[in-house]
Amino acid sequence: MILAVMVALLVTMVLALLRAFMGPGLYNRILAINMIGTKTVLFIAVAGFLFGRPEFLDIGILYALVNFVATVAVLRLTHYRELLSGSKGGERE
């Protein structure tokens, strides 16, 4: 059963990777990459349970924090680039 969960997580990660490459917009691609990171955390937790290694949860938590900070940083970077370039109708009077 646990192996089926790991296979399902890998399938969803591949689908998210396809979405990241073929996404219609920048924010959809960023969301797909964030989803890959979330699925990776779940995969690490399930692998730790499968192999009987509870310290994998610590690695998963650390990866989740790095994933969150990286996603926020990339979103802020794209937001400030849009403000500087004047795109997306962000002009205020």
N, C-alpha and C. Protein backbone atom coordinates (compact mmCIF):
# COMPACT_ATOMS: atom_id res chain seq x y z
N MET A 1 0.83 -1.20 0.00
CA MET A 1 0.00 0.00 0.00
C MET A 1 0.87 1.26 0.00
N ILE A 2 1.93 1.22 0.81
CA ILE A 2 2.82 2.37 0.88
C ILE A 2 3.52 2.59 -0.46
N LEU A 3 3.87 1.51 -1.12
CA LEU A 3 4.50 1.64 -2.44
C LEU A 3 3.53 2.27 -3.45
N ALA A 4 2.26 1.95 -3.33
CA ALA A 4 1.26 2.56 -4.21
C ALA A 4 1.18 4.07 -3.97
N VAL A 5 1.30 4.48 -2.72
CA VAL A 5 1.30 5.91 -2.40
C VAL A 5 2.52 6.59 -2.99
N MET A 6 3.67 5.92 -2.90
CA MET A 6 4.89 6.51 -3.47
C MET A 6 4.79 6.62 -4.99
N VAL A 7 4.22 5.63 -5.63
CA VAL A 7 4.04 5.69 -7.08
C VAL A 7 3.07 6.80 -7.46
N ALA A 8 1.99 6.93 -6.69
CA ALA A 8 1.02 8.00 -6.96
C ALA A 8 1.66 9.38 -6.78
N LEU A 9 2.51 9.53 -5.77
CA LEU A 9 3.20 10.80 -5.59
C LEU A 9 4.15 11.09 -6.76
N LEU A 10 4.85 10.06 -7.23
CA LEU A 10 5.73 10.26 -8.37
C LEU A 10 4.95 10.64 -9.63
N VAL A 11 3.79 10.04 -9.83
CA VAL A 11 2.96 10.38 -10.99
C VAL A 11 2.50 11.83 -10.91
N THR A 12 2.06 12.27 -9.73
CA THR A 12 1.62 13.66 -9.60
C THR A 12 2.78 14.63 -9.75
N MET A 13 3.97 14.21 -9.33
CA MET A 13 5.14 15.07 -9.52
C MET A 13 5.49 15.21 -11.00
N VAL A 14 5.35 14.14 -11.76
CA VAL A 14 5.60 14.21 -13.20
C VAL A 14 4.56 15.10 -13.88
N LEU A 15 3.31 14.97 -13.47
CA LEU A 15 2.26 15.82 -14.04
C LEU A 15 2.50 17.30 -13.70
N ALA A 16 2.95 17.56 -12.48
CA ALA A 16 3.27 18.94 -12.10
C ALA A 16 4.47 19.46 -12.89
N LEU A 17 5.43 18.58 -13.17
CA LEU A 17 6.57 18.98 -13.98
C LEU A 17 6.15 19.34 -15.40
N LEU A 18 5.23 18.57 -15.95
CA LEU A 18 4.68 18.91 -17.27
C LEU A 18 3.96 20.25 -17.24
N ARG A 19 3.23 20.50 -16.15
CA ARG A 19 2.53 21.77 -16.01
C ARG A 19 3.52 22.92 -15.90
N ALA A 20 4.65 22.68 -15.24
CA ALA A 20 5.66 23.73 -15.10
C ALA A 20 6.28 24.09 -16.45
N PHE A 21 6.45 23.11 -17.32
CA PHE A 21 7.02 23.38 -18.63
C PHE A 21 6.01 23.94 -19.62
N MET A 22 4.75 23.49 -19.54
CA MET A 22 3.76 23.89 -20.53
C MET A 22 2.70 24.84 -19.98
N GLY A 23 2.92 25.38 -18.79
CA GLY A 23 1.93 26.24 -18.17
C GLY A 23 1.63 27.47 -19.01
N PRO A 24 0.41 27.97 -18.93
CA PRO A 24 0.05 29.12 -19.76
C PRO A 24 0.68 30.43 -19.28
N GLY A 25 1.03 30.52 -18.02
CA GLY A 25 1.58 31.77 -17.53
C GLY A 25 2.65 31.54 -16.48
N LEU A 26 3.28 32.63 -16.08
CA LEU A 26 4.37 32.55 -15.12
C LEU A 26 3.88 32.05 -13.76
N TYR A 27 2.76 32.58 -13.29
CA TYR A 27 2.29 32.19 -11.96
C TYR A 27 1.82 30.74 -11.93
N ASN A 28 1.28 30.23 -13.02
CA ASN A 28 0.93 28.82 -13.07
C ASN A 28 2.18 27.95 -12.99
N ARG A 29 3.25 28.39 -13.61
CA ARG A 29 4.51 27.63 -13.56
C ARG A 29 5.11 27.66 -12.16
N ILE A 30 5.06 28.82 -11.51
CA ILE A 30 5.57 28.91 -10.14
C ILE A 30 4.74 28.03 -9.21
N LEU A 31 3.44 28.02 -9.39
CA LEU A 31 2.57 27.17 -8.58
C LEU A 31 2.88 25.70 -8.81
N ALA A 32 3.17 25.31 -10.04
CA ALA A 32 3.51 23.92 -10.34
C ALA A 32 4.83 23.53 -9.67
N ILE A 33 5.80 24.42 -9.67
CA ILE A 33 7.07 24.13 -9.02
C ILE A 33 6.89 24.03 -7.50
N ASN A 34 6.04 24.88 -6.94
CA ASN A 34 5.73 24.80 -5.52
C ASN A 34 5.04 23.46 -5.21
N MET A 35 4.18 23.02 -6.09
CA MET A 35 3.50 21.74 -5.90
C MET A 35 4.50 20.58 -5.96
N ILE A 36 5.49 20.67 -6.83
CA ILE A 36 6.53 19.64 -6.88
C ILE A 36 7.26 19.59 -5.54
N GLY A 37 7.56 20.75 -4.98
CA GLY A 37 8.22 20.79 -3.68
C GLY A 37 7.37 20.18 -2.58
N THR A 38 6.09 20.45 -2.60
CA THR A 38 5.18 19.89 -1.60
C THR A 38 5.09 18.37 -1.74
N LYS A 39 5.00 17.91 -2.96
CA LYS A 39 4.95 16.45 -3.19
C LYS A 39 6.27 15.79 -2.79
N THR A 40 7.37 16.50 -2.94
CA THR A 40 8.66 15.97 -2.51
C THR A 40 8.70 15.80 -1.00
N VAL A 41 8.15 16.76 -0.27
CA VAL A 41 8.07 16.64 1.19
C VAL A 41 7.23 15.43 1.58
N LEU A 42 6.10 15.24 0.91
CA LEU A 42 5.27 14.06 1.19
C LEU A 42 6.01 12.77 0.85
N PHE A 43 6.74 12.78 -0.25
CA PHE A 43 7.50 11.60 -0.66
C PHE A 43 8.58 11.27 0.37
N ILE A 44 9.26 12.27 0.89
CA ILE A 44 10.28 12.06 1.92
C ILE A 44 9.65 11.47 3.18
N ALA A 45 8.48 12.00 3.57
CA ALA A 45 7.80 11.49 4.77
C ALA A 45 7.37 10.04 4.58
N VAL A 46 6.82 9.70 3.43
CA VAL A 46 6.39 8.33 3.17
C VAL A 46 7.60 7.40 3.09
N ALA A 47 8.69 7.85 2.49
CA ALA A 47 9.90 7.03 2.42
C ALA A 47 10.46 6.78 3.81
N GLY A 48 10.41 7.80 4.66
CA GLY A 48 10.87 7.62 6.04
C GLY A 48 10.03 6.60 6.79
N PHE A 49 8.72 6.62 6.55
CA PHE A 49 7.85 5.63 7.18
C PHE A 49 8.13 4.24 6.62
N LEU A 50 8.33 4.15 5.32
CA LEU A 50 8.56 2.85 4.68
C LEU A 50 9.87 2.22 5.14
N PHE A 51 10.92 3.01 5.27
CA PHE A 51 12.22 2.49 5.65
C PHE A 51 12.44 2.48 7.16
N GLY A 52 11.47 2.96 7.94
CA GLY A 52 11.61 2.97 9.38
C GLY A 52 12.63 3.97 9.88
N ARG A 53 12.74 5.10 9.19
CA ARG A 53 13.72 6.13 9.55
C ARG A 53 12.97 7.42 9.90
N PRO A 54 12.63 7.63 11.17
CA PRO A 54 11.86 8.83 11.55
C PRO A 54 12.62 10.14 11.34
N GLU A 55 13.95 10.08 11.21
CA GLU A 55 14.70 11.32 10.98
C GLU A 55 14.45 11.90 9.60
N PHE A 56 13.85 11.14 8.70
CA PHE A 56 13.46 11.68 7.40
C PHE A 56 12.42 12.78 7.55
N LEU A 57 11.62 12.73 8.61
CA LEU A 57 10.63 13.78 8.83
C LEU A 57 11.31 15.13 9.07
N ASP A 58 12.43 15.11 9.79
CA ASP A 58 13.18 16.35 10.00
C ASP A 58 13.68 16.92 8.67
N ILE A 59 14.15 16.05 7.82
CA ILE A 59 14.61 16.48 6.50
C ILE A 59 13.44 17.04 5.69
N GLY A 60 12.29 16.38 5.79
CA GLY A 60 11.10 16.86 5.09
C GLY A 60 10.65 18.23 5.57
N ILE A 61 10.69 18.45 6.89
CA ILE A 61 10.30 19.76 7.44
C ILE A 61 11.26 20.84 6.98
N LEU A 62 12.55 20.53 6.99
CA LEU A 62 13.54 21.50 6.52
C LEU A 62 13.33 21.82 5.04
N TYR A 63 13.05 20.81 4.24
CA TYR A 63 12.80 21.03 2.82
C TYR A 63 11.53 21.85 2.60
N ALA A 64 10.52 21.62 3.43
CA ALA A 64 9.28 22.40 3.32
C ALA A 64 9.54 23.88 3.62
N LEU A 65 10.37 24.17 4.61
CA LEU A 65 10.69 25.56 4.93
C LEU A 65 11.47 26.21 3.80
N VAL A 66 12.43 25.50 3.25
CA VAL A 66 13.21 26.04 2.13
C VAL A 66 12.31 26.26 0.92
N ASN A 67 11.41 25.33 0.66
CA ASN A 67 10.47 25.45 -0.46
C ASN A 67 9.59 26.68 -0.29
N PHE A 68 9.09 26.90 0.91
CA PHE A 68 8.22 28.05 1.17
C PHE A 68 8.98 29.36 0.97
N VAL A 69 10.16 29.46 1.55
CA VAL A 69 10.95 30.70 1.43
C VAL A 69 11.33 30.95 -0.03
N ALA A 70 11.70 29.91 -0.75
CA ALA A 70 12.08 30.08 -2.15
C ALA A 70 10.89 30.52 -3.00
N THR A 71 9.72 29.96 -2.74
CA THR A 71 8.52 30.35 -3.49
C THR A 71 8.17 31.81 -3.23
N VAL A 72 8.22 32.23 -1.98
CA VAL A 72 7.92 33.62 -1.65
C VAL A 72 8.95 34.55 -2.30
N ALA A 73 10.21 34.16 -2.28
CA ALA A 73 11.25 34.99 -2.89
C ALA A 73 11.05 35.13 -4.40
N VAL A 74 10.73 34.04 -5.06
CA VAL A 74 10.51 34.10 -6.51
C VAL A 74 9.28 34.94 -6.83
N LEU A 75 8.22 34.80 -6.05
CA LEU A 75 7.02 35.60 -6.30
C LEU A 75 7.27 37.08 -6.08
N ARG A 76 8.03 37.41 -5.05
CA ARG A 76 8.37 38.82 -4.83
C ARG A 76 9.23 39.37 -5.96
N LEU A 77 10.17 38.56 -6.41
CA LEU A 77 11.03 38.99 -7.52
C LEU A 77 10.20 39.26 -8.77
N THR A 78 9.29 38.37 -9.10
CA THR A 78 8.46 38.58 -10.29
C THR A 78 7.52 39.77 -10.10
N HIS A 79 7.05 39.96 -8.88
CA HIS A 79 6.16 41.10 -8.61
C HIS A 79 6.90 42.42 -8.81
N TYR A 80 8.13 42.52 -8.30
CA TYR A 80 8.88 43.76 -8.45
C TYR A 80 9.33 43.98 -9.89
N ARG A 81 9.60 42.91 -10.62
CA ARG A 81 9.93 43.07 -12.04
C ARG A 81 8.74 43.60 -12.81
N GLU A 82 7.54 43.12 -12.47
CA GLU A 82 6.34 43.63 -13.14
C GLU A 82 6.10 45.09 -12.80
N LEU A 83 6.37 45.48 -11.57
CA LEU A 83 6.19 46.88 -11.19
C LEU A 83 7.19 47.77 -11.93
N LEU A 84 8.42 47.30 -12.07
CA LEU A 84 9.42 48.11 -12.76
C LEU A 84 9.16 48.20 -14.25
N SER A 85 8.66 47.12 -14.83
CA SER A 85 8.43 47.14 -16.27
C SER A 85 7.08 47.79 -16.64
N GLY A 86 6.20 47.93 -15.65
CA GLY A 86 4.91 48.56 -15.91
C GLY A 86 3.91 47.63 -16.57
N SER A 87 4.14 46.34 -16.59
CA SER A 87 3.21 45.41 -17.21
C SER A 87 2.10 45.03 -16.25
N LYS A 88 1.13 44.28 -16.73
CA LYS A 88 -0.01 43.77 -15.98
C LYS A 88 -0.93 44.90 -15.47
N GLY A 89 -0.86 46.05 -16.08
CA GLY A 89 -1.77 47.12 -15.72
C GLY A 89 -1.59 47.62 -14.31
N GLY A 90 -0.38 47.55 -13.79
CA GLY A 90 -0.12 47.94 -12.41
C GLY A 90 0.14 49.43 -12.25
N GLU A 91 -0.30 50.25 -13.21
CA GLU A 91 -0.06 51.68 -13.12
C GLU A 91 -1.09 52.32 -12.20
N ARG A 92 -0.59 53.13 -11.28
CA ARG A 92 -1.47 53.82 -10.33
C ARG A 92 -1.32 55.31 -10.52
N GLU A 93 -2.42 55.99 -10.35
CA GLU A 93 -2.38 57.45 -10.52
C GLU A 93 -2.53 58.13 -9.20
